Amino acid sequence: MKFSVVMPIHYSDGKFLSTTLPSVYRLEPDEIILVFDKRAVETACVRARYVHVVETAKALIRKGGYEKRTRLIEIGDTVNWSSRIAYLRVMGFLAASNRVILNTDADTILDPKIKEDLNLIGHDGIAMISFRRLEFPLSLQFFVHRLLLVFHLEESFSPIYAFDKNTWLATEDFELMRQVPQQSDDVHFHLLISKGHKVLFKEVRCVHLKPVLTKERKYSEGKALWQVKRNPFWKILARSIVYLDVEFMMGYIHERWHRKN
């Protein structure tokens, strides 16, 4: 089956590419679309880092012999989207020439076994497959996360997923997508497609080279679970207690209060 891989890349992702991009090539996709976020390139220091990450990607492309299959897209325009990463992904998805698209992140090493499951898309009502990933380095939070999945207290959908482009275009609400907050575009994709189509979850050995979670990101994730999923308070409370995550709880409470007032 022919398929495309879409990977959004921020200028801070250069430290990951030498490990993660070769894992994309091992899947032997028919097309690779790298979407670079050029909007934040303002200072001389940031420009230097941006040029470095682009040149790193080009060198890896040459080394892998994938010049003819790889497309580099630089997005520098400013758009009225709440989530910049969601906009980058959508631009990559729209540019993809194949029906089956695999979305990945620049900080994730892909398991080659993913390719075996892509043939399932389009059969028996399956429109999307989510591939779970391990966190590196391992931490207590990782094991807590796995436990919460068992009790359905945590979101099981992973940002590493493959889907049918035609199904996505038929179900996507682009005006709603513009309003999706940071860290929630993958949940949005899942919710829309799963309303009328089958979504599979696959246990594979993808590895997330986990960056440090900032307080701002945790706060944003808390806000998103009210904005996008309308998660009940008891789930958020349980998660916050287990993770000892005050910022996550505060983001949820603030967003829920703000919507009511």
C-alpha atoms as a PDB file:
ATOM      1  CA  MET A   1       0.000   0.000   0.000  1.00  0.00           C
ATOM      2  CA  LYS A   2       1.228   3.484  -0.860  1.00  0.00           C
ATOM      3  CA  PHE A   3       1.287   5.921   2.037  1.00  0.00           C
ATOM      4  CA  SER A   4       2.587   9.340   3.025  1.00  0.00           C
ATOM      5  CA  VAL A   5       4.278  10.382   6.269  1.00  0.00           C
ATOM      6  CA  VAL A   6       3.740  13.899   7.637  1.00  0.00           C
ATOM      7  CA  MET A   7       6.092  15.298  10.292  1.00  0.00           C
ATOM      8  CA  PRO A   8       5.787  18.888  11.596  1.00  0.00           C
ATOM      9  CA  ILE A   9       9.172  20.232  12.745  1.00  0.00           C
ATOM     10  CA  HIS A  10       9.880  23.136  15.120  1.00  0.00           C
ATOM     11  CA  TYR A  11      13.299  24.809  15.207  1.00  0.00           C
ATOM     12  CA  SER A  12      13.896  23.243  18.637  1.00  0.00           C
ATOM     13  CA  ASP A  13      13.536  19.700  17.246  1.00  0.00           C
ATOM     14  CA  GLY A  14      17.036  19.506  15.748  1.00  0.00           C
ATOM     15  CA  LYS A  15      18.383  17.403  18.628  1.00  0.00           C
ATOM     16  CA  PHE A  16      15.901  14.622  17.812  1.00  0.00           C
ATOM     17  CA  LEU A  17      16.042  14.357  14.019  1.00  0.00           C
ATOM     18  CA  SER A  18      19.219  12.274  13.690  1.00  0.00           C
ATOM     19  CA  THR A  19      17.401   9.516  15.590  1.00  0.00           C
ATOM     20  CA  THR A  20      13.775   9.977  14.611  1.00  0.00           C
ATOM     21  CA  LEU A  21      13.952  10.790  10.890  1.00  0.00           C
ATOM     22  CA  PRO A  22      15.846   7.590   9.970  1.00  0.00           C
ATOM     23  CA  SER A  23      13.053   5.630  11.673  1.00  0.00           C
ATOM     24  CA  VAL A  24      10.655   7.167   9.156  1.00  0.00           C
ATOM     25  CA  TYR A  25      12.808   5.992   6.266  1.00  0.00           C
ATOM     26  CA  ARG A  26      12.878   2.452   7.661  1.00  0.00           C
ATOM     27  CA  LEU A  27       9.133   2.306   7.002  1.00  0.00           C
ATOM     28  CA  GLU A  28       9.898   2.884   3.285  1.00  0.00           C
ATOM     29  CA  PRO A  29       7.020   5.328   2.680  1.00  0.00           C
ATOM     30  CA  ASP A  30       6.188   6.493  -0.825  1.00  0.00           C
ATOM     31  CA  GLU A  31       6.207  10.118   0.287  1.00  0.00           C
ATOM     32  CA  ILE A  32       7.603  12.056   3.258  1.00  0.00           C
ATOM     33  CA  ILE A  33       6.399  15.585   3.967  1.00  0.00           C
ATOM     34  CA  LEU A  34       8.422  17.606   6.473  1.00  0.00           C
ATOM     35  CA  VAL A  35       6.580  20.755   7.556  1.00  0.00           C
ATOM     36  CA  PHE A  36       8.899  23.364   9.092  1.00  0.00           C
ATOM     37  CA  ASP A  37       7.550  26.079  11.364  1.00  0.00           C
ATOM     38  CA  LYS A  38       9.256  29.238  10.120  1.00  0.00           C
ATOM     39  CA  ARG A  39       6.912  31.714  11.792  1.00  0.00           C
ATOM     40  CA  ALA A  40       8.861  31.949  15.073  1.00  0.00           C
ATOM     41  CA  VAL A  41      12.145  32.789  13.315  1.00  0.00           C
ATOM     42  CA  GLU A  42      12.628  36.346  14.603  1.00  0.00           C
ATOM     43  CA  THR A  43      15.948  36.773  16.408  1.00  0.00           C
ATOM     44  CA  ALA A  44      19.390  35.969  15.026  1.00  0.00           C
ATOM     45  CA  CYS A  45      19.776  33.123  17.521  1.00  0.00           C
ATOM     46  CA  VAL A  46      16.465  31.533  16.528  1.00  0.00           C
ATOM     47  CA  ARG A  47      17.243  31.996  12.825  1.00  0.00           C
ATOM     48  CA  ALA A  48      20.515  30.131  13.317  1.00  0.00           C
ATOM     49  CA  ARG A  49      18.720  27.270  15.078  1.00  0.00           C
ATOM     50  CA  TYR A  50      16.077  27.149  12.350  1.00  0.00           C
ATOM     51  CA  VAL A  51      18.686  26.997   9.577  1.00  0.00           C
ATOM     52  CA  HIS A  52      20.500  24.278  11.513  1.00  0.00           C
ATOM     53  CA  VAL A  53      17.405  22.076  11.840  1.00  0.00           C
ATOM     54  CA  VAL A  54      16.580  22.471   8.127  1.00  0.00           C
ATOM     55  CA  GLU A  55      20.153  21.643   7.102  1.00  0.00           C
ATOM     56  CA  THR A  56      20.192  18.672   9.477  1.00  0.00           C
ATOM     57  CA  ALA A  57      17.043  17.335   7.851  1.00  0.00           C
ATOM     58  CA  LYS A  58      18.457  17.825   4.344  1.00  0.00           C
ATOM     59  CA  ALA A  59      21.659  15.993   5.271  1.00  0.00           C
ATOM     60  CA  LEU A  60      19.670  13.059   6.665  1.00  0.00           C
ATOM     61  CA  ILE A  61      17.533  12.995   3.527  1.00  0.00           C
ATOM     62  CA  ARG A  62      20.628  12.782   1.333  1.00  0.00           C
ATOM     63  CA  LYS A  63      22.150  10.105   3.538  1.00  0.00           C
ATOM     64  CA  GLY A  64      18.999   8.001   3.321  1.00  0.00           C
ATOM     65  CA  GLY A  65      18.727   8.467  -0.443  1.00  0.00           C
ATOM     66  CA  TYR A  66      15.221   9.853  -0.129  1.00  0.00           C
ATOM     67  CA  GLU A  67      15.604  13.132  -2.025  1.00  0.00           C
ATOM     68  CA  LYS A  68      12.990  12.152  -4.612  1.00  0.00           C
ATOM     69  CA  ARG A  69      10.453  11.031  -2.025  1.00  0.00           C
ATOM     70  CA  THR A  70      10.819  13.860   0.479  1.00  0.00           C
ATOM     71  CA  ARG A  71       9.098  17.234   0.289  1.00  0.00           C
ATOM     72  CA  LEU A  72      10.079  20.141   2.516  1.00  0.00           C
ATOM     73  CA  ILE A  73       7.391  22.723   3.249  1.00  0.00           C
ATOM     74  CA  GLU A  74       8.209  25.918   5.146  1.00  0.00           C
ATOM     75  CA  ILE A  75       5.226  27.618   6.798  1.00  0.00           C
ATOM     76  CA  GLY A  76       5.928  31.201   7.731  1.00  0.00           C
ATOM     77  CA  ASP A  77       2.532  32.839   7.458  1.00  0.00           C
ATOM     78  CA  THR A  78       0.438  33.827  10.470  1.00  0.00           C
ATOM     79  CA  VAL A  79      -3.071  32.394  10.580  1.00  0.00           C
ATOM     80  CA  ASN A  80      -5.988  32.703  12.948  1.00  0.00           C
ATOM     81  CA  TRP A  81      -5.616  29.242  14.483  1.00  0.00           C
ATOM     82  CA  SER A  82      -5.446  28.578  18.219  1.00  0.00           C
ATOM     83  CA  SER A  83      -2.987  25.723  17.692  1.00  0.00           C
ATOM     84  CA  ARG A  84       0.026  26.341  15.485  1.00  0.00           C
ATOM     85  CA  ILE A  85       0.939  22.646  15.401  1.00  0.00           C
ATOM     86  CA  ALA A  86      -2.589  21.797  14.221  1.00  0.00           C
ATOM     87  CA  TYR A  87      -2.176  24.215  11.313  1.00  0.00           C
ATOM     88  CA  LEU A  88       1.186  22.696  10.357  1.00  0.00           C
ATOM     89  CA  ARG A  89      -0.285  19.191  10.409  1.00  0.00           C
ATOM     90  CA  VAL A  90      -3.277  20.178   8.305  1.00  0.00           C
ATOM     91  CA  MET A  91      -1.047  21.829   5.704  1.00  0.00           C
ATOM     92  CA  GLY A  92       0.975  18.611   5.533  1.00  0.00           C
ATOM     93  CA  PHE A  93      -2.141  16.437   5.292  1.00  0.00           C
ATOM     94  CA  LEU A  94      -3.603  18.539   2.483  1.00  0.00           C
ATOM     95  CA  ALA A  95      -0.304  18.360   0.577  1.00  0.00           C
ATOM     96  CA  ALA A  96      -0.079  14.556   0.854  1.00  0.00           C
ATOM     97  CA  SER A  97      -0.699  12.742  -2.432  1.00  0.00           C
ATOM     98  CA  ASN A  98      -1.600   9.326  -0.983  1.00  0.00           C
ATOM     99  CA  ARG A  99      -4.880   8.184   0.561  1.00  0.00           C
ATOM    100  CA  VAL A 100      -3.235   6.710   3.667  1.00  0.00           C
ATOM    101  CA  ILE A 101      -1.341   9.219   5.812  1.00  0.00           C
ATOM    102  CA  LEU A 102       0.813   8.503   8.855  1.00  0.00           C
ATOM    103  CA  ASN A 103       1.208  11.414  11.255  1.00  0.00           C
ATOM    104  CA  THR A 104       4.298  11.472  13.459  1.00  0.00           C
ATOM    105  CA  ASP A 105       6.233  13.873  15.680  1.00  0.00           C
ATOM    106  CA  ALA A 106       9.836  14.969  15.330  1.00  0.00           C
ATOM    107  CA  ASP A 107      10.616  13.608  18.811  1.00  0.00           C
ATOM    108  CA  THR A 108       9.310  10.063  18.218  1.00  0.00           C
ATOM    109  CA  ILE A 109      11.180   6.985  16.989  1.00  0.00           C
ATOM    110  CA  LEU A 110       8.795   4.864  14.908  1.00  0.00           C
ATOM    111  CA  ASP A 111       8.488   1.098  15.160  1.00  0.00           C
ATOM    112  CA  PRO A 112       8.928  -0.545  11.705  1.00  0.00           C
ATOM    113  CA  LYS A 113       5.998  -2.845  12.528  1.00  0.00           C
ATOM    114  CA  ILE A 114       3.658   0.104  11.962  1.00  0.00           C
ATOM    115  CA  LYS A 115       3.857  -0.537   8.234  1.00  0.00           C
ATOM    116  CA  GLU A 116       2.253  -3.987   8.619  1.00  0.00           C
ATOM    117  CA  ASP A 117      -0.911  -2.427  10.059  1.00  0.00           C
ATOM    118  CA  LEU A 118      -1.414   0.278   7.432  1.00  0.00           C
ATOM    119  CA  ASN A 119      -3.072  -2.235   5.093  1.00  0.00           C
ATOM    120  CA  LEU A 120      -5.976  -2.429   7.569  1.00  0.00           C
ATOM    121  CA  ILE A 121      -7.058   1.128   6.814  1.00  0.00           C
ATOM    122  CA  GLY A 122     -10.011   1.161   4.428  1.00  0.00           C
ATOM    123  CA  HIS A 123     -11.169  -2.354   5.320  1.00  0.00           C
ATOM    124  CA  ASP A 124     -14.010  -3.371   7.656  1.00  0.00           C
ATOM    125  CA  GLY A 125     -14.851   0.254   8.364  1.00  0.00           C
ATOM    126  CA  ILE A 126     -11.391   1.050   9.775  1.00  0.00           C
ATOM    127  CA  ALA A 127     -10.505   4.685   9.071  1.00  0.00           C
ATOM    128  CA  MET A 128      -7.808   5.333  11.663  1.00  0.00           C
ATOM    129  CA  ILE A 129      -5.167   3.489  13.691  1.00  0.00           C
ATOM    130  CA  SER A 130      -3.519   4.950  16.795  1.00  0.00           C
ATOM    131  CA  PHE A 131      -0.068   3.607  17.685  1.00  0.00           C
ATOM    132  CA  ARG A 132       0.808   3.823  21.358  1.00  0.00           C
ATOM    133  CA  ARG A 133       4.339   4.800  22.326  1.00  0.00           C
ATOM    134  CA  LEU A 134       6.766   4.336  25.178  1.00  0.00           C
ATOM    135  CA  GLU A 135       8.278   7.276  27.025  1.00  0.00           C
ATOM    136  CA  PHE A 136      12.037   7.699  27.300  1.00  0.00           C
ATOM    137  CA  PRO A 137      13.439   8.006  29.815  1.00  0.00           C
ATOM    138  CA  LEU A 138      10.978   5.845  31.717  1.00  0.00           C
ATOM    139  CA  SER A 139       9.445   7.440  34.767  1.00  0.00           C
ATOM    140  CA  LEU A 140       6.889   6.748  37.462  1.00  0.00           C
ATOM    141  CA  GLN A 141       4.439   8.907  35.516  1.00  0.00           C
ATOM    142  CA  PHE A 142       4.680   6.532  32.558  1.00  0.00           C
ATOM    143  CA  PHE A 143       3.586   3.555  34.656  1.00  0.00           C
ATOM    144  CA  VAL A 144       0.832   5.623  36.287  1.00  0.00           C
ATOM    145  CA  HIS A 145      -0.360   6.586  32.810  1.00  0.00           C
ATOM    146  CA  ARG A 146      -0.615   2.927  31.808  1.00  0.00           C
ATOM    147  CA  LEU A 147      -2.592   2.192  34.954  1.00  0.00           C
ATOM    148  CA  LEU A 148      -5.008   5.046  34.276  1.00  0.00           C
ATOM    149  CA  LEU A 149      -5.592   3.699  30.769  1.00  0.00           C
ATOM    150  CA  VAL A 150      -6.870   0.470  32.318  1.00  0.00           C
ATOM    151  CA  PHE A 151      -9.506   2.417  34.265  1.00  0.00           C
ATOM    152  CA  HIS A 152     -10.294   4.770  31.344  1.00  0.00           C
ATOM    153  CA  LEU A 153      -9.121   7.789  33.311  1.00  0.00           C
ATOM    154  CA  GLU A 154      -6.561   8.808  30.699  1.00  0.00           C
ATOM    155  CA  GLU A 155      -6.772   9.538  26.979  1.00  0.00           C
ATOM    156  CA  SER A 156      -5.628   6.445  25.064  1.00  0.00           C
ATOM    157  CA  PHE A 157      -5.262   8.153  21.699  1.00  0.00           C
ATOM    158  CA  SER A 158      -1.652   8.771  20.674  1.00  0.00           C
ATOM    159  CA  PRO A 159      -0.308  11.583  18.440  1.00  0.00           C
ATOM    160  CA  ILE A 160       1.203   8.818  16.281  1.00  0.00           C
ATOM    161  CA  TYR A 161      -1.652   7.740  14.033  1.00  0.00           C
ATOM    162  CA  ALA A 162      -2.514   6.740  10.474  1.00  0.00           C
ATOM    163  CA  PHE A 163      -5.781   7.578   8.749  1.00  0.00           C
ATOM    164  CA  ASP A 164      -7.701   7.598   5.490  1.00  0.00           C
ATOM    165  CA  LYS A 165      -7.426  11.057   3.911  1.00  0.00           C
ATOM    166  CA  ASN A 166     -10.802  10.865   2.175  1.00  0.00           C
ATOM    167  CA  THR A 167     -12.546  10.003   5.441  1.00  0.00           C
ATOM    168  CA  TRP A 168     -10.791  12.854   7.197  1.00  0.00           C
ATOM    169  CA  LEU A 169     -11.835  15.382   4.533  1.00  0.00           C
ATOM    170  CA  ALA A 170     -15.433  14.147   4.739  1.00  0.00           C
ATOM    171  CA  THR A 171     -15.571  14.508   8.530  1.00  0.00           C
ATOM    172  CA  GLU A 172     -13.316  17.493   9.259  1.00  0.00           C
ATOM    173  CA  ASP A 173     -14.809  20.771  10.472  1.00  0.00           C
ATOM    174  CA  PHE A 174     -12.127  23.299   9.565  1.00  0.00           C
ATOM    175  CA  GLU A 175     -13.784  26.188  11.386  1.00  0.00           C
ATOM    176  CA  LEU A 176     -13.863  24.115  14.548  1.00  0.00           C
ATOM    177  CA  MET A 177     -10.293  22.997  13.901  1.00  0.00           C
ATOM    178  CA  ARG A 178      -9.180  26.640  13.938  1.00  0.00           C
ATOM    179  CA  GLN A 179     -10.394  26.899  17.527  1.00  0.00           C
ATOM    180  CA  VAL A 180      -8.821  23.687  18.813  1.00  0.00           C
ATOM    181  CA  PRO A 181      -6.333  24.607  21.592  1.00  0.00           C
ATOM    182  CA  GLN A 182      -2.691  23.582  21.780  1.00  0.00           C
ATOM    183  CA  GLN A 183      -2.031  19.899  22.597  1.00  0.00           C
ATOM    184  CA  SER A 184      -5.533  18.868  21.460  1.00  0.00           C
ATOM    185  CA  ASP A 185      -5.472  18.573  17.682  1.00  0.00           C
ATOM    186  CA  ASP A 186      -4.879  14.811  17.832  1.00  0.00           C
ATOM    187  CA  VAL A 187      -7.862  14.347  20.171  1.00  0.00           C
ATOM    188  CA  HIS A 188      -9.971  16.446  17.799  1.00  0.00           C
ATOM    189  CA  PHE A 189      -9.037  14.210  14.837  1.00  0.00           C
ATOM    190  CA  HIS A 190      -9.903  11.114  16.807  1.00  0.00           C
ATOM    191  CA  LEU A 191     -13.273  12.373  18.038  1.00  0.00           C
ATOM    192  CA  LEU A 192     -14.496  13.452  14.606  1.00  0.00           C
ATOM    193  CA  ILE A 193     -13.474  10.315  12.722  1.00  0.00           C
ATOM    194  CA  SER A 194     -14.563   7.911  15.481  1.00  0.00           C
ATOM    195  CA  LYS A 195     -18.151   9.198  15.371  1.00  0.00           C
ATOM    196  CA  GLY A 196     -18.910   7.221  12.222  1.00  0.00           C
ATOM    197  CA  HIS A 197     -15.864   5.039  11.626  1.00  0.00           C
ATOM    198  CA  LYS A 198     -13.789   2.429  13.375  1.00  0.00           C
ATOM    199  CA  VAL A 199     -10.555   3.377  15.148  1.00  0.00           C
ATOM    200  CA  LEU A 200      -7.993   0.744  16.175  1.00  0.00           C
ATOM    201  CA  PHE A 201      -5.377   1.010  18.928  1.00  0.00           C
ATOM    202  CA  LYS A 202      -2.122  -0.843  18.365  1.00  0.00           C
ATOM    203  CA  GLU A 203       0.596  -1.639  20.889  1.00  0.00           C
ATOM    204  CA  VAL A 204       3.919  -1.061  19.130  1.00  0.00           C
ATOM    205  CA  ARG A 205       7.404  -0.041  20.191  1.00  0.00           C
ATOM    206  CA  CYS A 206       7.400   3.597  19.168  1.00  0.00           C
ATOM    207  CA  VAL A 207       9.549   5.642  21.552  1.00  0.00           C
ATOM    208  CA  HIS A 208       8.766   9.193  22.600  1.00  0.00           C
ATOM    209  CA  LEU A 209      11.974  11.048  23.457  1.00  0.00           C
ATOM    210  CA  LYS A 210      10.047  12.914  26.094  1.00  0.00           C
ATOM    211  CA  PRO A 211      11.010  16.561  26.575  1.00  0.00           C
ATOM    212  CA  VAL A 212      10.490  18.203  29.960  1.00  0.00           C
ATOM    213  CA  LEU A 213       6.839  19.083  30.493  1.00  0.00           C
ATOM    214  CA  THR A 214       6.631  22.743  31.476  1.00  0.00           C
ATOM    215  CA  LYS A 215       4.000  24.174  33.808  1.00  0.00           C
ATOM    216  CA  GLU A 216       2.590  26.101  30.862  1.00  0.00           C
ATOM    217  CA  ARG A 217       2.113  22.926  28.820  1.00  0.00           C
ATOM    218  CA  LYS A 218       0.419  21.105  31.709  1.00  0.00           C
ATOM    219  CA  TYR A 219      -1.877  24.101  32.212  1.00  0.00           C
ATOM    220  CA  SER A 220      -2.701  24.090  28.496  1.00  0.00           C
ATOM    221  CA  GLU A 221      -3.506  20.364  28.559  1.00  0.00           C
ATOM    222  CA  GLY A 222      -5.910  20.918  31.441  1.00  0.00           C
ATOM    223  CA  LYS A 223      -7.706  23.657  29.529  1.00  0.00           C
ATOM    224  CA  ALA A 224      -7.908  21.469  26.441  1.00  0.00           C
ATOM    225  CA  LEU A 225      -9.679  18.592  28.191  1.00  0.00           C
ATOM    226  CA  TRP A 226     -12.578  20.910  28.937  1.00  0.00           C
ATOM    227  CA  GLN A 227     -12.574  22.756  25.612  1.00  0.00           C
ATOM    228  CA  VAL A 228     -12.358  19.705  23.376  1.00  0.00           C
ATOM    229  CA  LYS A 229     -13.622  16.706  25.344  1.00  0.00           C
ATOM    230  CA  ARG A 230     -15.742  18.242  28.129  1.00  0.00           C
ATOM    231  CA  ASN A 231     -14.208  15.739  30.547  1.00  0.00           C
ATOM    232  CA  PRO A 232     -16.116  15.512  33.852  1.00  0.00           C
ATOM    233  CA  PHE A 233     -14.544  17.006  36.942  1.00  0.00           C
ATOM    234  CA  TRP A 234     -14.110  13.662  38.716  1.00  0.00           C
ATOM    235  CA  LYS A 235     -11.791  12.377  35.963  1.00  0.00           C
ATOM    236  CA  ILE A 236      -9.666  15.497  36.112  1.00  0.00           C
ATOM    237  CA  LEU A 237      -9.545  15.355  39.906  1.00  0.00           C
ATOM    238  CA  ALA A 238      -8.484  11.691  39.877  1.00  0.00           C
ATOM    239  CA  ARG A 239      -5.757  12.361  37.310  1.00  0.00           C
ATOM    240  CA  SER A 240      -4.482  15.422  39.155  1.00  0.00           C
ATOM    241  CA  ILE A 241      -4.255  13.565  42.462  1.00  0.00           C
ATOM    242  CA  VAL A 242      -2.470  10.570  40.945  1.00  0.00           C
ATOM    243  CA  TYR A 243       0.015  12.718  39.026  1.00  0.00           C
ATOM    244  CA  LEU A 244       0.220  15.419  41.713  1.00  0.00           C
ATOM    245  CA  ASP A 245      -0.405  17.808  38.837  1.00  0.00           C
ATOM    246  CA  VAL A 246      -1.690  21.115  40.185  1.00  0.00           C
ATOM    247  CA  GLU A 247      -1.115  23.039  36.922  1.00  0.00           C
ATOM    248  CA  PHE A 248      -3.240  20.576  34.968  1.00  0.00           C
ATOM    249  CA  MET A 249      -6.121  20.958  37.441  1.00  0.00           C
ATOM    250  CA  MET A 250      -5.868  24.764  37.447  1.00  0.00           C
ATOM    251  CA  GLY A 251      -5.996  24.901  33.651  1.00  0.00           C
ATOM    252  CA  TYR A 252      -9.152  22.785  33.611  1.00  0.00           C
ATOM    253  CA  ILE A 253     -10.864  24.768  36.380  1.00  0.00           C
ATOM    254  CA  HIS A 254      -9.997  28.126  34.811  1.00  0.00           C
ATOM    255  CA  GLU A 255     -11.253  27.130  31.372  1.00  0.00           C
ATOM    256  CA  ARG A 256     -14.480  25.649  32.727  1.00  0.00           C
ATOM    257  CA  TRP A 257     -15.139  28.749  34.857  1.00  0.00           C
ATOM    258  CA  HIS A 258     -14.284  31.046  31.943  1.00  0.00           C
ATOM    259  CA  ARG A 259     -16.767  29.292  29.637  1.00  0.00           C
ATOM    260  CA  LYS A 260     -19.564  29.680  32.141  1.00  0.00           C
ATOM    261  CA  ASN A 261     -18.878  33.338  32.702  1.00  0.00           C
END
